[in-house]
Amino acid sequence: MTVPSPMDIAARAADRRANAELIARHLAPGVLVGRERFRRVHARAVWESALTPHCRLVALALATHGNFRTGEMRHQPRLAGLVTATGLSPAQVAVALNALVQRGWVSRTGPRAYESADLQPHIPAGALARYRARRVADRIAREHLASA
C-alpha cells in the first residue's frame, strides 16, 4: 500500500469539485424549447425517471396545479391539497416532497414547513435531456419501421 502524496489529495479534491458541478448542472431546472409544453414533457419525464411511486404521484399532482405551457404556479395546493389529491398521508407527501426537492423536480420558497411553503415543479436538465433523447430514438424507430 502506498501513502498518498499531496498531489494525489489535490487531484481527488479537484475530482470532487468537478463531480459536484456536474451534479448541480444535472439537477438544475431545464429550459423548454420550441413547441415543448411543460405538463406534457413533465409527465413523460416523471414516468421515465427512477423516482419512487409516491414521488411520481406527488410530482404529477403538483404539476396539475401549474400552467400547462410553463408550469408556473398560480394556485398553491400546499400540503393539505396534495394530501387530498394523492390520497397519501401528510408524512408520506412530506417525504416525497423532500425527495423531489433534493432531486431537482421541485423548488420550495418561503417557510421550511410544507403547510405554508410555495412550491414550484421543474424538470431537471438531466431528465429533460433523457426525454429528448428518447423522443429522437422513438422518431428514428418509427421512420425505420415505415421505410421497411
Protein backbone atom coordinates (compact mmCIF):
# COMPACT_ATOMS: atom_id res chain seq x y z
CA MET A 1 0.00 0.00 0.00
CA THR A 2 1.36 3.41 -0.93
CA VAL A 3 0.98 6.61 1.01
CA PRO A 4 -0.89 9.30 -0.95
CA SER A 5 1.15 12.33 -1.88
CA PRO A 6 -0.13 15.91 -1.66
CA MET A 7 -0.62 15.81 -5.45
CA ASP A 8 -2.93 12.79 -5.10
CA ILE A 9 -5.00 14.55 -2.46
CA ALA A 10 -5.28 17.71 -4.62
CA ALA A 11 -6.40 15.62 -7.60
CA ARG A 12 -9.12 13.96 -5.51
CA ALA A 13 -10.39 17.36 -4.32
CA ALA A 14 -10.50 18.60 -7.93
CA ASP A 15 -12.44 15.47 -8.94
CA ARG A 16 -14.96 16.05 -6.14
CA ARG A 17 -15.45 19.68 -7.25
CA ALA A 18 -15.94 18.61 -10.88
CA ASN A 19 -18.46 15.95 -9.82
CA ALA A 20 -20.35 18.46 -7.67
CA GLU A 21 -20.54 20.89 -10.60
CA LEU A 22 -21.79 18.13 -12.91
CA ILE A 23 -24.46 17.10 -10.42
CA ALA A 24 -25.54 20.73 -9.95
CA ARG A 25 -25.93 21.17 -13.73
CA HIS A 26 -27.83 17.87 -13.99
CA LEU A 27 -30.29 18.89 -11.24
CA ALA A 28 -30.77 22.50 -12.41
CA PRO A 29 -34.17 23.28 -13.94
CA GLY A 30 -34.22 22.50 -17.64
CA VAL A 31 -35.37 25.01 -20.26
CA LEU A 32 -38.15 24.05 -22.64
CA VAL A 33 -37.66 24.99 -26.29
CA GLY A 34 -39.86 25.21 -29.35
CA ARG A 35 -43.23 23.52 -29.06
CA GLU A 36 -42.47 21.67 -25.83
CA ARG A 37 -45.20 22.13 -23.23
CA PHE A 38 -44.37 21.81 -19.56
CA ARG A 39 -47.09 19.49 -18.38
CA ARG A 40 -46.72 17.01 -21.24
CA VAL A 41 -42.93 16.89 -21.01
CA HIS A 42 -43.01 16.84 -17.19
CA ALA A 43 -45.43 13.91 -17.07
CA ARG A 44 -43.38 11.87 -19.53
CA ALA A 45 -40.10 12.71 -17.79
CA VAL A 46 -41.57 11.76 -14.40
CA TRP A 47 -42.76 8.39 -15.70
CA GLU A 48 -39.36 7.69 -17.30
CA SER A 49 -37.48 8.69 -14.14
CA ALA A 50 -36.20 6.47 -11.34
CA LEU A 51 -38.46 8.17 -8.78
CA THR A 52 -40.44 6.04 -6.34
CA PRO A 53 -44.19 5.64 -6.98
CA HIS A 54 -45.10 8.07 -4.16
CA CYS A 55 -42.70 10.68 -5.53
CA ARG A 56 -44.13 10.27 -9.02
CA LEU A 57 -47.67 10.65 -7.72
CA VAL A 58 -46.84 13.82 -5.75
CA ALA A 59 -44.86 15.32 -8.66
CA LEU A 60 -47.74 14.76 -11.08
CA ALA A 61 -50.33 16.05 -8.62
CA LEU A 62 -48.29 19.20 -8.02
CA ALA A 63 -47.78 19.79 -11.74
CA THR A 64 -51.53 19.72 -12.38
CA HIS A 65 -51.79 22.99 -10.43
CA GLY A 66 -49.28 24.69 -12.76
CA ASN A 67 -49.74 26.38 -16.11
CA PHE A 68 -49.90 23.82 -18.94
CA ARG A 69 -47.27 25.55 -21.05
CA THR A 70 -44.85 26.96 -18.49
CA GLY A 71 -45.53 25.15 -15.23
CA GLU A 72 -45.83 28.43 -13.31
CA MET A 73 -47.93 28.02 -10.19
CA ARG A 74 -50.80 30.47 -9.70
CA HIS A 75 -52.55 28.45 -7.04
CA GLN A 76 -50.53 26.70 -4.35
CA PRO A 77 -52.08 23.39 -3.26
CA ARG A 78 -49.98 23.32 -0.06
CA LEU A 79 -49.55 20.11 1.86
CA ALA A 80 -53.28 19.66 2.55
CA GLY A 81 -54.14 19.95 -1.15
CA LEU A 82 -51.51 17.39 -2.13
CA VAL A 83 -52.75 15.02 0.58
CA THR A 84 -56.27 15.33 -0.83
CA ALA A 85 -55.11 14.95 -4.44
CA THR A 86 -52.93 11.91 -3.84
CA GLY A 87 -54.67 10.05 -1.01
CA LEU A 88 -51.34 9.75 0.81
CA SER A 89 -50.78 10.71 4.43
CA PRO A 90 -49.22 14.11 5.23
CA ALA A 91 -45.99 12.39 6.28
CA GLN A 92 -45.80 10.45 3.01
CA VAL A 93 -46.34 13.61 0.97
CA ALA A 94 -43.69 15.47 3.00
CA VAL A 95 -41.16 12.67 2.44
CA ALA A 96 -41.94 12.63 -1.28
CA LEU A 97 -41.60 16.42 -1.47
CA ASN A 98 -38.23 16.26 0.30
CA ALA A 99 -37.02 13.70 -2.24
CA LEU A 100 -38.36 15.79 -5.15
CA VAL A 101 -36.61 18.91 -3.83
CA GLN A 102 -33.32 17.03 -3.45
CA ARG A 103 -33.56 15.63 -6.98
CA GLY A 104 -34.43 18.93 -8.66
CA TRP A 105 -38.07 18.19 -9.52
CA VAL A 106 -39.48 20.81 -7.10
CA SER A 107 -38.20 24.03 -5.59
CA ARG A 108 -39.51 25.44 -2.33
CA THR A 109 -39.64 29.09 -1.26
CA GLY A 110 -40.85 30.57 1.96
CA PRO A 111 -41.12 28.74 5.27
CA ARG A 112 -39.49 25.41 5.87
CA ALA A 113 -42.83 23.75 6.66
CA TYR A 114 -44.70 22.42 3.64
CA GLU A 115 -48.02 23.55 5.10
CA SER A 116 -47.24 27.15 4.09
CA ALA A 117 -44.29 26.92 1.66
CA ASP A 118 -44.64 27.87 -2.01
CA LEU A 119 -43.73 25.02 -4.34
CA GLN A 120 -42.70 25.14 -7.99
CA PRO A 121 -42.41 22.00 -10.15
CA HIS A 122 -39.45 21.71 -12.51
CA ILE A 123 -37.95 19.31 -14.99
CA PRO A 124 -34.29 18.75 -14.10
CA ALA A 125 -31.91 19.34 -17.01
CA GLY A 126 -30.71 15.72 -16.91
CA ALA A 127 -34.25 14.35 -17.08
CA LEU A 128 -35.09 16.77 -19.90
CA ALA A 129 -32.04 15.58 -21.86
CA ARG A 130 -33.11 11.93 -21.38
CA TYR A 131 -36.66 12.79 -22.51
CA ARG A 132 -35.36 14.47 -25.67
CA ALA A 133 -33.01 11.60 -26.45
CA ARG A 134 -35.85 9.10 -26.04
CA ARG A 135 -38.05 11.19 -28.33
CA VAL A 136 -35.38 11.25 -31.05
CA ALA A 137 -34.84 7.48 -30.72
CA ASP A 138 -38.60 6.85 -30.97
CA ARG A 139 -38.85 9.03 -34.09
CA ILE A 140 -35.94 7.20 -35.73
CA ALA A 141 -37.52 3.82 -34.92
CA ARG A 142 -40.88 4.90 -36.39
CA GLU A 143 -39.19 6.14 -39.58
CA HIS A 144 -37.22 2.92 -39.85
CA LEU A 145 -40.37 0.81 -39.48
CA ALA A 146 -42.24 2.96 -42.00
CA SER A 147 -39.48 2.58 -44.60
CA ALA A 148 -39.13 -1.21 -44.15
